[in-house]
C-alpha atoms as a PDB file:
ATOM      1  CA  MET A   1     166.363 107.503 169.240  1.00  0.00           C
ATOM      2  CA  THR A   2     170.201 106.975 168.807  1.00  0.00           C
ATOM      3  CA  GLY A   3     172.363 106.287 166.382  1.00  0.00           C
ATOM      4  CA  PHE A   4     176.081 106.052 164.903  1.00  0.00           C
ATOM      5  CA  VAL A   5     178.138 106.319 162.256  1.00  0.00           C
ATOM      6  CA  ALA A   6     180.667 103.767 161.935  1.00  0.00           C
ATOM      7  CA  LEU A   7     183.402 103.685 159.341  1.00  0.00           C
ATOM      8  CA  GLU A   8     185.264 100.790 157.265  1.00  0.00           C
ATOM      9  CA  ASP A   9     187.904 101.341 159.529  1.00  0.00           C
ATOM     10  CA  GLY A  10     186.388 100.524 162.765  1.00  0.00           C
ATOM     11  CA  THR A  11     186.176 104.295 163.919  1.00  0.00           C
ATOM     12  CA  VAL A  12     182.672 105.189 165.715  1.00  0.00           C
ATOM     13  CA  PHE A  13     180.830 108.455 165.985  1.00  0.00           C
ATOM     14  CA  ARG A  14     177.887 108.504 168.228  1.00  0.00           C
ATOM     15  CA  GLY A  15     174.701 110.360 167.853  1.00  0.00           C
ATOM     16  CA  GLN A  16     170.876 111.195 167.865  1.00  0.00           C
ATOM     17  CA  SER A  17     168.220 110.161 164.903  1.00  0.00           C
ATOM     18  CA  VAL A  18     166.623 113.319 163.683  1.00  0.00           C
ATOM     19  CA  GLY A  19     165.655 111.434 160.041  1.00  0.00           C
ATOM     20  CA  ALA A  20     164.186 108.249 158.969  1.00  0.00           C
ATOM     21  CA  GLU A  21     164.607 105.503 160.865  1.00  0.00           C
ATOM     22  CA  GLY A  22     167.168 102.530 159.721  1.00  0.00           C
ATOM     23  CA  TYR A  23     169.993 102.709 158.362  1.00  0.00           C
ATOM     24  CA  ALA A  24     172.181 104.090 155.073  1.00  0.00           C
ATOM     25  CA  PHE A  25     176.201 102.276 153.156  1.00  0.00           C
ATOM     26  CA  GLY A  26     177.819 105.554 151.205  1.00  0.00           C
ATOM     27  CA  GLU A  27     181.045 106.693 151.188  1.00  0.00           C
ATOM     28  CA  ALA A  28     181.936 108.799 154.016  1.00  0.00           C
ATOM     29  CA  VAL A  29     182.599 112.235 152.562  1.00  0.00           C
ATOM     30  CA  PHE A  30     182.498 116.012 153.767  1.00  0.00           C
ATOM     31  CA  THR A  31     180.989 118.949 152.288  1.00  0.00           C
ATOM     32  CA  THR A  32     182.275 123.365 153.761  1.00  0.00           C
ATOM     33  CA  ALA A  33     179.652 124.957 152.549  1.00  0.00           C
ATOM     34  CA  MET A  34     178.040 126.912 155.352  1.00  0.00           C
ATOM     35  CA  THR A  35     174.980 127.303 152.703  1.00  0.00           C
ATOM     36  CA  GLY A  36     173.336 125.290 150.494  1.00  0.00           C
ATOM     37  CA  TYR A  37     172.118 122.113 152.789  1.00  0.00           C
ATOM     38  CA  GLN A  38     169.228 121.011 150.771  1.00  0.00           C
ATOM     39  CA  GLU A  39     170.849 121.595 147.947  1.00  0.00           C
ATOM     40  CA  VAL A  40     173.366 119.349 148.715  1.00  0.00           C
ATOM     41  CA  VAL A  41     171.493 116.470 149.428  1.00  0.00           C
ATOM     42  CA  THR A  42     169.158 116.709 146.556  1.00  0.00           C
ATOM     43  CA  ASP A  43     172.264 116.889 143.673  1.00  0.00           C
ATOM     44  CA  PRO A  44     172.718 113.659 142.163  1.00  0.00           C
ATOM     45  CA  SER A  45     176.403 114.115 142.300  1.00  0.00           C
ATOM     46  CA  TYR A  46     176.360 112.561 146.198  1.00  0.00           C
ATOM     47  CA  ALA A  47     174.685 109.601 144.795  1.00  0.00           C
ATOM     48  CA  ASP A  48     175.857 107.248 147.505  1.00  0.00           C
ATOM     49  CA  GLN A  49     177.396 109.015 149.491  1.00  0.00           C
ATOM     50  CA  ILE A  50     176.982 110.062 153.319  1.00  0.00           C
ATOM     51  CA  ILE A  51     177.565 113.617 153.659  1.00  0.00           C
ATOM     52  CA  CYS A  52     179.053 115.751 156.760  1.00  0.00           C
ATOM     53  CA  PHE A  53     178.696 118.804 157.076  1.00  0.00           C
ATOM     54  CA  THR A  54     181.317 121.330 158.672  1.00  0.00           C
ATOM     55  CA  ALA A  55     178.797 124.082 159.708  1.00  0.00           C
ATOM     56  CA  ALA A  56     178.234 123.828 163.210  1.00  0.00           C
ATOM     57  CA  MET A  57     174.630 124.999 162.578  1.00  0.00           C
ATOM     58  CA  VAL A  58     172.196 123.483 159.705  1.00  0.00           C
ATOM     59  CA  GLY A  59     169.009 123.463 158.879  1.00  0.00           C
ATOM     60  CA  ASN A  60     168.746 127.454 160.387  1.00  0.00           C
ATOM     61  CA  TYR A  61     166.676 129.054 157.025  1.00  0.00           C
ATOM     62  CA  GLY A  62     164.279 125.903 156.681  1.00  0.00           C
ATOM     63  CA  VAL A  63     163.982 124.241 153.700  1.00  0.00           C
ATOM     64  CA  ALA A  64     161.955 125.471 149.899  1.00  0.00           C
ATOM     65  CA  THR A  65     160.836 123.400 146.518  1.00  0.00           C
ATOM     66  CA  ASN A  66     163.027 125.569 144.098  1.00  0.00           C
ATOM     67  CA  HIS A  67     166.082 124.456 146.185  1.00  0.00           C
ATOM     68  CA  SER A  68     166.186 121.858 145.370  1.00  0.00           C
ATOM     69  CA  GLU A  69     168.688 120.562 142.600  1.00  0.00           C
ATOM     70  CA  SER A  70     166.511 117.404 141.178  1.00  0.00           C
ATOM     71  CA  GLY A  71     163.124 115.514 142.106  1.00  0.00           C
ATOM     72  CA  HIS A  72     164.327 113.714 145.586  1.00  0.00           C
ATOM     73  CA  ALA A  73     167.256 112.750 147.762  1.00  0.00           C
ATOM     74  CA  HIS A  74     170.262 111.605 146.638  1.00  0.00           C
ATOM     75  CA  ALA A  75     173.054 111.285 149.320  1.00  0.00           C
ATOM     76  CA  ARG A  76     172.098 108.128 151.484  1.00  0.00           C
ATOM     77  CA  ALA A  77     172.503 109.909 154.790  1.00  0.00           C
ATOM     78  CA  VAL A  78     173.354 113.590 156.219  1.00  0.00           C
ATOM     79  CA  VAL A  79     174.938 114.024 159.865  1.00  0.00           C
ATOM     80  CA  MET A  80     175.626 116.880 161.737  1.00  0.00           C
ATOM     81  CA  ARG A  81     176.810 118.368 164.714  1.00  0.00           C
ATOM     82  CA  GLU A  82     173.518 120.080 165.085  1.00  0.00           C
ATOM     83  CA  ALA A  83     170.281 120.271 163.010  1.00  0.00           C
ATOM     84  CA  ARG A  84     167.449 122.907 163.190  1.00  0.00           C
ATOM     85  CA  GLY A  85     164.346 122.055 162.220  1.00  0.00           C
ATOM     86  CA  PRO A  86     161.648 121.553 162.156  1.00  0.00           C
ATOM     87  CA  ALA A  87     161.045 121.999 158.504  1.00  0.00           C
ATOM     88  CA  TRP A  88     164.457 120.368 157.511  1.00  0.00           C
ATOM     89  CA  THR A  89     164.631 117.576 159.774  1.00  0.00           C
ATOM     90  CA  ASP A  90     161.066 116.761 158.534  1.00  0.00           C
ATOM     91  CA  TRP A  91     161.950 117.188 155.201  1.00  0.00           C
ATOM     92  CA  LEU A  92     164.795 114.837 155.928  1.00  0.00           C
ATOM     93  CA  HIS A  93     162.054 112.226 157.223  1.00  0.00           C
ATOM     94  CA  ASP A  94     159.584 112.360 154.539  1.00  0.00           C
ATOM     95  CA  ARG A  95     162.733 111.512 151.900  1.00  0.00           C
ATOM     96  CA  GLY A  96     163.585 108.460 153.666  1.00  0.00           C
ATOM     97  CA  VAL A  97     167.433 109.590 154.706  1.00  0.00           C
ATOM     98  CA  VAL A  98     168.871 108.632 157.563  1.00  0.00           C
ATOM     99  CA  ALA A  99     170.065 111.705 159.550  1.00  0.00           C
ATOM    100  CA  LEU A 100     172.064 112.423 162.387  1.00  0.00           C
ATOM    101  CA  SER A 101     172.672 114.892 164.909  1.00  0.00           C
ATOM    102  CA  GLU A 102     174.939 115.794 167.959  1.00  0.00           C
ATOM    103  CA  ILE A 103     177.751 113.933 165.659  1.00  0.00           C
ATOM    104  CA  ASP A 104     181.195 115.061 166.913  1.00  0.00           C
ATOM    105  CA  THR A 105     181.637 116.536 162.851  1.00  0.00           C
ATOM    106  CA  ARG A 106     184.998 118.242 163.824  1.00  0.00           C
ATOM    107  CA  SER A 107     186.404 114.768 164.737  1.00  0.00           C
ATOM    108  CA  LEU A 108     184.958 113.022 161.399  1.00  0.00           C
ATOM    109  CA  VAL A 109     186.190 115.631 158.982  1.00  0.00           C
ATOM    110  CA  LEU A 110     189.764 115.661 160.606  1.00  0.00           C
ATOM    111  CA  HIS A 111     190.140 111.890 160.681  1.00  0.00           C
ATOM    112  CA  LEU A 112     188.792 111.670 156.767  1.00  0.00           C
ATOM    113  CA  ARG A 113     191.135 114.438 155.795  1.00  0.00           C
ATOM    114  CA  GLU A 114     193.963 112.206 157.813  1.00  0.00           C
ATOM    115  CA  ALA A 115     192.623 108.717 156.296  1.00  0.00           C
ATOM    116  CA  GLY A 116     190.550 109.835 153.151  1.00  0.00           C
ATOM    117  CA  SER A 117     187.031 109.169 152.515  1.00  0.00           C
ATOM    118  CA  MET A 118     186.091 105.713 152.934  1.00  0.00           C
ATOM    119  CA  ARG A 119     182.991 103.860 152.969  1.00  0.00           C
ATOM    120  CA  ALA A 120     180.228 104.073 156.032  1.00  0.00           C
ATOM    121  CA  ILE A 121     176.970 102.725 157.246  1.00  0.00           C
ATOM    122  CA  ALA A 122     174.720 105.719 159.061  1.00  0.00           C
ATOM    123  CA  ILE A 123     172.478 103.794 161.476  1.00  0.00           C
ATOM    124  CA  ALA A 124     169.868 105.329 163.264  1.00  0.00           C
ATOM    125  CA  GLY A 125     168.386 103.032 166.175  1.00  0.00           C
ATOM    126  CA  GLU A 126     169.948 100.189 168.019  1.00  0.00           C
ATOM    127  CA  ALA A 127     172.393  97.356 166.250  1.00  0.00           C
ATOM    128  CA  SER A 128     175.150  95.376 166.288  1.00  0.00           C
ATOM    129  CA  LEU A 129     178.517  97.155 165.874  1.00  0.00           C
ATOM    130  CA  ASP A 130     180.682  94.057 164.681  1.00  0.00           C
ATOM    131  CA  GLU A 131     177.680  93.429 162.008  1.00  0.00           C
ATOM    132  CA  ALA A 132     177.341  97.035 161.038  1.00  0.00           C
ATOM    133  CA  LEU A 133     181.185  97.034 160.409  1.00  0.00           C
ATOM    134  CA  ALA A 134     181.035  93.670 158.740  1.00  0.00           C
ATOM    135  CA  SER A 135     178.758  94.713 156.350  1.00  0.00           C
ATOM    136  CA  VAL A 136     179.994  98.283 155.891  1.00  0.00           C
ATOM    137  CA  ARG A 137     183.957  96.102 154.591  1.00  0.00           C
ATOM    138  CA  SER A 138     181.691  93.866 152.368  1.00  0.00           C
ATOM    139  CA  GLN A 139     179.812  97.185 150.035  1.00  0.00           C
ATOM    140  CA  PRO A 140     181.869  97.821 146.653  1.00  0.00           C
ATOM    141  CA  LEU A 141     184.600 100.983 146.579  1.00  0.00           C
ATOM    142  CA  MET A 142     183.668 104.139 145.271  1.00  0.00           C
ATOM    143  CA  ALA A 143     186.531 103.968 142.451  1.00  0.00           C
ATOM    144  CA  GLY A 144     185.573 101.754 139.448  1.00  0.00           C
ATOM    145  CA  ARG A 145     181.882 102.797 140.579  1.00  0.00           C
ATOM    146  CA  ALA A 146     179.777 103.949 136.946  1.00  0.00           C
ATOM    147  CA  LEU A 147     176.802 106.120 138.567  1.00  0.00           C
ATOM    148  CA  ALA A 148     176.090 108.048 135.701  1.00  0.00           C
ATOM    149  CA  ALA A 149     173.745 105.194 134.665  1.00  0.00           C
ATOM    150  CA  LYS A 150     171.902 105.367 138.476  1.00  0.00           C
ATOM    151  CA  VAL A 151     171.214 109.101 138.025  1.00  0.00           C
ATOM    152  CA  SER A 152     170.471 109.869 134.716  1.00  0.00           C
ATOM    153  CA  THR A 153     167.150 110.622 133.341  1.00  0.00           C
ATOM    154  CA  ARG A 154     165.470 107.422 130.855  1.00  0.00           C
ATOM    155  CA  ASP A 155     164.160 109.316 128.032  1.00  0.00           C
ATOM    156  CA  ALA A 156     164.955 113.132 126.181  1.00  0.00           C
ATOM    157  CA  TYR A 157     162.512 115.857 127.396  1.00  0.00           C
ATOM    158  CA  VAL A 158     162.458 119.617 126.536  1.00  0.00           C
ATOM    159  CA  PHE A 159     163.267 121.375 128.989  1.00  0.00           C
ATOM    160  CA  SER A 160     163.402 125.248 127.525  1.00  0.00           C
ATOM    161  CA  ASP A 161     161.830 125.578 124.164  1.00  0.00           C
ATOM    162  CA  VAL A 162     162.803 128.861 123.434  1.00  0.00           C
ATOM    163  CA  GLY A 163     165.921 130.571 123.087  1.00  0.00           C
ATOM    164  CA  ARG A 164     168.749 131.705 120.673  1.00  0.00           C
ATOM    165  CA  ALA A 165     170.416 128.561 120.538  1.00  0.00           C
ATOM    166  CA  ARG A 166     169.424 124.980 120.847  1.00  0.00           C
ATOM    167  CA  ILE A 167     171.724 123.435 123.758  1.00  0.00           C
ATOM    168  CA  ALA A 168     171.218 119.888 124.315  1.00  0.00           C
ATOM    169  CA  VAL A 169     172.545 118.455 127.748  1.00  0.00           C
ATOM    170  CA  VAL A 170     174.064 115.240 128.298  1.00  0.00           C
ATOM    171  CA  ASP A 171     172.853 114.130 131.914  1.00  0.00           C
ATOM    172  CA  TYR A 172     174.926 112.071 133.881  1.00  0.00           C
ATOM    173  CA  GLY A 173     173.493 113.849 136.926  1.00  0.00           C
ATOM    174  CA  CYS A 174     172.720 117.489 136.059  1.00  0.00           C
ATOM    175  CA  LYS A 175     171.617 119.563 138.678  1.00  0.00           C
ATOM    176  CA  ARG A 176     168.280 121.626 137.931  1.00  0.00           C
ATOM    177  CA  SER A 177     171.086 124.843 138.762  1.00  0.00           C
ATOM    178  CA  ILE A 178     172.506 124.200 135.274  1.00  0.00           C
ATOM    179  CA  LEU A 179     169.450 123.951 133.356  1.00  0.00           C
ATOM    180  CA  ASN A 180     168.347 127.064 134.738  1.00  0.00           C
ATOM    181  CA  ARG A 181     171.218 128.787 134.148  1.00  0.00           C
ATOM    182  CA  LEU A 182     171.432 127.742 130.526  1.00  0.00           C
ATOM    183  CA  ALA A 183     167.439 128.649 130.273  1.00  0.00           C
ATOM    184  CA  TRP A 184     168.398 132.656 131.740  1.00  0.00           C
ATOM    185  CA  SER A 185     171.139 132.587 129.617  1.00  0.00           C
ATOM    186  CA  GLY A 186     168.805 132.792 126.649  1.00  0.00           C
ATOM    187  CA  ALA A 187     169.143 129.004 125.319  1.00  0.00           C
ATOM    188  CA  ALA A 188     166.337 126.252 124.419  1.00  0.00           C
ATOM    189  CA  VAL A 189     167.157 122.991 126.264  1.00  0.00           C
ATOM    190  CA  THR A 190     166.524 119.591 125.698  1.00  0.00           C
ATOM    191  CA  VAL A 191     168.350 116.513 128.311  1.00  0.00           C
ATOM    192  CA  PHE A 192     169.411 113.565 127.004  1.00  0.00           C
ATOM    193  CA  PRO A 193     170.205 110.298 128.695  1.00  0.00           C
ATOM    194  CA  HIS A 194     173.852 109.652 129.640  1.00  0.00           C
ATOM    195  CA  ASP A 195     174.214 107.351 126.594  1.00  0.00           C
ATOM    196  CA  ALA A 196     172.442 109.457 124.040  1.00  0.00           C
ATOM    197  CA  ASP A 197     173.653 109.214 120.416  1.00  0.00           C
ATOM    198  CA  ALA A 198     176.430 111.481 119.101  1.00  0.00           C
ATOM    199  CA  ASP A 199     175.126 111.679 115.720  1.00  0.00           C
ATOM    200  CA  GLU A 200     171.769 113.673 117.887  1.00  0.00           C
ATOM    201  CA  LEU A 201     173.307 115.403 119.966  1.00  0.00           C
ATOM    202  CA  ALA A 202     175.857 117.133 116.840  1.00  0.00           C
ATOM    203  CA  GLY A 203     172.718 118.411 115.350  1.00  0.00           C
ATOM    204  CA  TYR A 204     171.722 121.165 118.073  1.00  0.00           C
ATOM    205  CA  ASP A 205     174.017 124.542 118.370  1.00  0.00           C
ATOM    206  CA  GLY A 206     175.764 123.205 121.516  1.00  0.00           C
ATOM    207  CA  VAL A 207     176.637 120.176 124.108  1.00  0.00           C
ATOM    208  CA  LEU A 208     176.677 120.831 127.215  1.00  0.00           C
ATOM    209  CA  LEU A 209     177.926 117.826 129.537  1.00  0.00           C
ATOM    210  CA  SER A 210     176.879 118.061 133.325  1.00  0.00           C
ATOM    211  CA  ASN A 211     177.969 117.080 136.527  1.00  0.00           C
ATOM    212  CA  GLY A 212     177.647 113.411 137.344  1.00  0.00           C
ATOM    213  CA  PRO A 213     178.564 111.018 140.405  1.00  0.00           C
ATOM    214  CA  GLY A 214     180.854 107.931 140.256  1.00  0.00           C
ATOM    215  CA  ASP A 215     184.193 107.228 139.038  1.00  0.00           C
ATOM    216  CA  PRO A 216     184.837 108.623 135.501  1.00  0.00           C
ATOM    217  CA  GLU A 217     187.440 105.859 134.078  1.00  0.00           C
ATOM    218  CA  PRO A 218     184.015 103.301 133.654  1.00  0.00           C
ATOM    219  CA  LEU A 219     182.353 105.485 131.652  1.00  0.00           C
ATOM    220  CA  LYS A 220     183.832 104.293 128.621  1.00  0.00           C
ATOM    221  CA  GLU A 221     180.727 104.221 125.776  1.00  0.00           C
ATOM    222  CA  GLU A 222     180.162 108.142 127.319  1.00  0.00           C
ATOM    223  CA  ILE A 223     183.723 108.493 126.359  1.00  0.00           C
ATOM    224  CA  ALA A 224     184.084 107.836 123.307  1.00  0.00           C
ATOM    225  CA  ALA A 225     180.695 108.967 123.064  1.00  0.00           C
ATOM    226  CA  VAL A 226     182.263 112.613 123.640  1.00  0.00           C
ATOM    227  CA  SER A 227     185.516 111.800 121.265  1.00  0.00           C
ATOM    228  CA  ARG A 228     182.976 111.435 118.528  1.00  0.00           C
ATOM    229  CA  LEU A 229     181.198 115.075 118.866  1.00  0.00           C
ATOM    230  CA  LEU A 230     184.406 116.971 119.067  1.00  0.00           C
ATOM    231  CA  GLY A 231     185.175 119.031 116.452  1.00  0.00           C
ATOM    232  CA  ARG A 232     181.161 118.507 115.069  1.00  0.00           C
ATOM    233  CA  VAL A 233     179.623 120.694 117.659  1.00  0.00           C
ATOM    234  CA  PRO A 234     180.534 123.183 120.725  1.00  0.00           C
ATOM    235  CA  ILE A 235     180.684 121.738 123.944  1.00  0.00           C
ATOM    236  CA  LEU A 236     180.900 122.945 127.209  1.00  0.00           C
ATOM    237  CA  GLY A 237     181.875 119.962 130.368  1.00  0.00           C
ATOM    238  CA  ILE A 238     181.163 120.961 133.912  1.00  0.00           C
ATOM    239  CA  CYS A 239     182.357 118.420 136.904  1.00  0.00           C
ATOM    240  CA  LEU A 240     182.126 114.858 135.650  1.00  0.00           C
ATOM    241  CA  GLY A 241     181.620 116.810 132.403  1.00  0.00           C
ATOM    242  CA  HIS A 242     185.320 118.180 132.378  1.00  0.00           C
ATOM    243  CA  GLN A 243     186.379 114.493 132.848  1.00  0.00           C
ATOM    244  CA  LEU A 244     185.419 113.191 130.379  1.00  0.00           C
ATOM    245  CA  LEU A 245     186.478 115.891 128.028  1.00  0.00           C
ATOM    246  CA  ALA A 246     190.234 115.316 130.014  1.00  0.00           C
ATOM    247  CA  LEU A 247     189.517 111.318 129.151  1.00  0.00           C
ATOM    248  CA  ALA A 248     188.804 111.808 125.710  1.00  0.00           C
ATOM    249  CA  THR A 249     191.603 114.460 124.874  1.00  0.00           C
ATOM    250  CA  GLY A 250     194.015 112.202 126.351  1.00  0.00           C
ATOM    251  CA  HIS A 251     194.517 113.131 129.808  1.00  0.00           C
ATOM    252  CA  GLU A 252     194.344 111.556 133.094  1.00  0.00           C
ATOM    253  CA  THR A 253     192.480 111.063 135.946  1.00  0.00           C
ATOM    254  CA  PHE A 254     192.697 109.804 139.075  1.00  0.00           C
ATOM    255  CA  LYS A 255     190.642 109.929 143.050  1.00  0.00           C
ATOM    256  CA  LEU A 256     191.280 112.736 145.410  1.00  0.00           C
ATOM    257  CA  ARG A 257     192.343 111.726 149.033  1.00  0.00           C
ATOM    258  CA  PHE A 258     188.902 113.114 150.267  1.00  0.00           C
ATOM    259  CA  GLY A 259     187.497 114.980 147.256  1.00  0.00           C
ATOM    260  CA  HIS A 260     186.931 118.672 146.775  1.00  0.00           C
ATOM    261  CA  ARG A 261     183.135 120.181 148.210  1.00  0.00           C
ATOM    262  CA  GLY A 262     182.469 123.317 149.405  1.00  0.00           C
ATOM    263  CA  ALA A 263     181.422 126.643 147.964  1.00  0.00           C
ATOM    264  CA  ASN A 264     185.162 128.226 148.366  1.00  0.00           C
ATOM    265  CA  HIS A 265     187.623 126.676 146.757  1.00  0.00           C
ATOM    266  CA  PRO A 266     189.756 128.952 144.712  1.00  0.00           C
ATOM    267  CA  VAL A 267     190.681 128.731 141.154  1.00  0.00           C
ATOM    268  CA  VAL A 268     193.439 130.301 139.023  1.00  0.00           C
ATOM    269  CA  GLU A 269     192.931 130.950 135.546  1.00  0.00           C
ATOM    270  CA  ARG A 270     196.322 130.391 134.348  1.00  0.00           C
ATOM    271  CA  ALA A 271     196.222 133.413 131.498  1.00  0.00           C
ATOM    272  CA  THR A 272     195.433 136.217 133.557  1.00  0.00           C
ATOM    273  CA  GLY A 273     196.069 135.080 137.218  1.00  0.00           C
ATOM    274  CA  GLY A 274     192.833 135.806 138.313  1.00  0.00           C
ATOM    275  CA  VAL A 275     191.496 133.201 140.935  1.00  0.00           C
ATOM    276  CA  LEU A 276     188.025 132.550 141.227  1.00  0.00           C
ATOM    277  CA  VAL A 277     185.907 131.259 144.789  1.00  0.00           C
ATOM    278  CA  THR A 278     184.594 128.379 143.494  1.00  0.00           C
ATOM    279  CA  SER A 279     181.290 125.535 144.450  1.00  0.00           C
ATOM    280  CA  GLN A 280     182.955 122.345 143.908  1.00  0.00           C
ATOM    281  CA  ASN A 281     182.041 118.557 144.482  1.00  0.00           C
ATOM    282  CA  HIS A 282     184.011 115.862 142.962  1.00  0.00           C
ATOM    283  CA  GLY A 283     185.990 112.822 144.460  1.00  0.00           C
ATOM    284  CA  PHE A 284     187.640 112.520 141.339  1.00  0.00           C
ATOM    285  CA  ALA A 285     190.138 115.016 139.755  1.00  0.00           C
ATOM    286  CA  VAL A 286     192.122 115.539 136.223  1.00  0.00           C
ATOM    287  CA  ALA A 287     195.875 115.137 137.030  1.00  0.00           C
ATOM    288  CA  PRO A 288     197.993 117.921 137.206  1.00  0.00           C
ATOM    289  CA  SER A 289     199.183 119.281 133.467  1.00  0.00           C
ATOM    290  CA  GLU A 290     201.440 122.138 132.251  1.00  0.00           C
ATOM    291  CA  ALA A 291     199.693 121.382 129.073  1.00  0.00           C
ATOM    292  CA  ARG A 292     198.550 124.207 126.900  1.00  0.00           C
ATOM    293  CA  GLU A 293     194.937 123.599 126.781  1.00  0.00           C
ATOM    294  CA  ALA A 294     194.699 123.264 131.181  1.00  0.00           C
ATOM    295  CA  THR A 295     193.335 127.116 131.622  1.00  0.00           C
ATOM    296  CA  HIS A 296     192.288 126.585 135.247  1.00  0.00           C
ATOM    297  CA  VAL A 297     194.305 125.271 137.865  1.00  0.00           C
ATOM    298  CA  SER A 298     193.360 124.221 142.172  1.00  0.00           C
ATOM    299  CA  LEU A 299     195.032 126.255 144.140  1.00  0.00           C
ATOM    300  CA  TYR A 300     194.905 123.765 146.557  1.00  0.00           C
ATOM    301  CA  ASP A 301     196.378 121.306 144.844  1.00  0.00           C
ATOM    302  CA  GLU A 302     197.104 122.164 140.935  1.00  0.00           C
ATOM    303  CA  THR A 303     194.610 119.305 139.811  1.00  0.00           C
ATOM    304  CA  VAL A 304     193.292 120.983 136.126  1.00  0.00           C
ATOM    305  CA  GLU A 305     190.463 122.727 137.023  1.00  0.00           C
ATOM    306  CA  GLY A 306     189.910 123.707 133.568  1.00  0.00           C
ATOM    307  CA  LEU A 307     190.138 122.789 129.367  1.00  0.00           C
ATOM    308  CA  GLN A 308     189.922 124.380 126.615  1.00  0.00           C
ATOM    309  CA  TYR A 309     190.355 123.185 122.799  1.00  0.00           C
ATOM    310  CA  PRO A 310     189.461 126.567 120.703  1.00  0.00           C
ATOM    311  CA  GLU A 311     190.932 124.149 117.367  1.00  0.00           C
ATOM    312  CA  LEU A 312     187.787 121.516 118.781  1.00  0.00           C
ATOM    313  CA  ARG A 313     185.470 123.811 119.794  1.00  0.00           C
ATOM    314  CA  ALA A 314     185.249 122.476 123.335  1.00  0.00           C
ATOM    315  CA  ARG A 315     185.713 123.580 126.763  1.00  0.00           C
ATOM    316  CA  SER A 316     185.402 122.426 130.349  1.00  0.00           C
ATOM    317  CA  VAL A 317     185.013 123.461 134.397  1.00  0.00           C
ATOM    318  CA  GLN A 318     186.055 120.813 137.029  1.00  0.00           C
ATOM    319  CA  PHE A 319     184.059 123.786 139.399  1.00  0.00           C
ATOM    320  CA  HIS A 320     180.390 124.663 138.875  1.00  0.00           C
ATOM    321  CA  PRO A 321     179.734 128.145 137.134  1.00  0.00           C
ATOM    322  CA  GLU A 322     175.766 127.540 137.387  1.00  0.00           C
ATOM    323  CA  ALA A 323     176.954 127.953 141.172  1.00  0.00           C
ATOM    324  CA  GLY A 324     173.656 127.190 143.113  1.00  0.00           C
ATOM    325  CA  PRO A 325     173.572 128.361 145.758  1.00  0.00           C
ATOM    326  CA  GLY A 326     177.074 130.156 145.318  1.00  0.00           C
ATOM    327  CA  PRO A 327     179.618 131.777 144.852  1.00  0.00           C
ATOM    328  CA  HIS A 328     178.831 133.501 141.416  1.00  0.00           C
ATOM    329  CA  ASP A 329     182.329 134.914 140.154  1.00  0.00           C
ATOM    330  CA  ALA A 330     182.107 132.244 137.651  1.00  0.00           C
ATOM    331  CA  TRP A 331     178.651 132.699 136.865  1.00  0.00           C
ATOM    332  CA  GLY A 332     179.238 134.090 133.627  1.00  0.00           C
ATOM    333  CA  LEU A 333     181.152 131.511 132.097  1.00  0.00           C
ATOM    334  CA  ILE A 334     177.871 130.053 131.127  1.00  0.00           C
ATOM    335  CA  ASP A 335     176.514 133.319 130.051  1.00  0.00           C
ATOM    336  CA  GLY A 336     179.460 133.802 127.297  1.00  0.00           C
ATOM    337  CA  TRP A 337     179.354 130.125 126.287  1.00  0.00           C
ATOM    338  CA  ILE A 338     175.795 130.815 125.184  1.00  0.00           C
ATOM    339  CA  GLU A 339     176.869 133.701 123.247  1.00  0.00           C
ATOM    340  CA  GLU A 340     179.676 132.443 121.656  1.00  0.00           C
ATOM    341  CA  VAL A 341     177.331 129.274 120.240  1.00  0.00           C
ATOM    342  CA  SER A 342     174.573 131.726 119.559  1.00  0.00           C
ATOM    343  CA  ALA A 343     176.937 133.858 116.850  1.00  0.00           C
ATOM    344  CA  LEU A 344     178.311 130.456 116.077  1.00  0.00           C
ATOM    345  CA  ALA A 345     174.607 129.169 115.061  1.00  0.00           C
ATOM    346  CA  LYS A 346     173.818 132.377 113.121  1.00  0.00           C
ATOM    347  CA  ALA A 347     177.071 132.456 111.271  1.00  0.00           C
ATOM    348  CA  ALA A 348     176.849 128.916 109.806  1.00  0.00           C
END
C-alpha cells in the first residue's frame, strides 16, 4: 500500500505503508538517534508528533517488552527510509501507528532543518492531497499547547515501595526508564499526576519533575506548584521538568526551530569544562543565560541545559540522565541526587 507525508507548506514525500492503515496528524520532527526506535515511539514526550528517523535502517534488532517507555505508542506516525521487520512493522501495525517506509528521509530532514518543524499528516492509503493539506493547516500549532494532562497518570501509584529515600515523581509524561533508574539508585518511588498538590509532594524526601510533551509556558498551575515547592524539598527536574523549574525561577523558554532530538547532543558543564554526550528530546528550550545558576549549556546553540539553586535545594537538566537506551555519560546524576536526598533525610 502506498502512502505519503504532507507538510503544511505543501511539500510531499511519498513511500510505502508498513504499519496501520489510515492517517495521522502531528508535528513533523526528526530524531538522530541510531538506536532506541521502540523507546522513541513509546516516549510520551513524542505525543502528537510524526517522527522521522534519520537512521537509514529502522527495526533491524526487533522489539522487546522491556524496551517500551510507557504502556502504548505516543507518536502519531513514523517515517523511515527503510523499515525492517516483521517484528518491528507488526508491532507498529498492532498498535495502530501509521508508518511509512521508502521515504526520502534525507530530503525531509534537510527541509525541516531549513523550514523548521511544522504541522503534517501521514497517510497510509489513497487520499486527496488538497484535502489533506487543508486538514493539516486547520490543526493547532505546537506552540501554546499544554499536553501534560493528556499523557499524565490520572491517579497516584507506587512504583517502588522500598528504598533509602522517598521520592515523589510528578508525571508530565514520565519515561519508564526514569522510574527504573530511581529504583535502581535506591529510591522508593511514588508517581503523582501532573496536577498533584504541592503540600502533599513536600512530604516526601525529594521530588522529581519528569519529562513530557508540549509547550511549558501554558502549564501555569504546574509552574505555580513548582514555585510552592521551592525551598521546602529537594527537587530534580528533567526535560519538561527543567523548563518548569526555569519558568518558576524567572527564566524564559522558547520554541526551537527544529528541536533537539537524538542521542548525540554535546552539553558542557560550565564549572569544569567537561562535556557530556547526551540523549535529548525537546522542541522548547530555556533561553541562553549567563546567570550563575545556569550550570550546563548546549554546545549547539547555548541554550541552558542545566540549573542549580543550592539555597533552594533545586536542580534540573534539559537532557535525559536516565539515558534509555543511551548514551550513559550522565547516568551518575540521578545516583548522586538520590545519595544527597538520602543524606538530607537522615540528617533531618
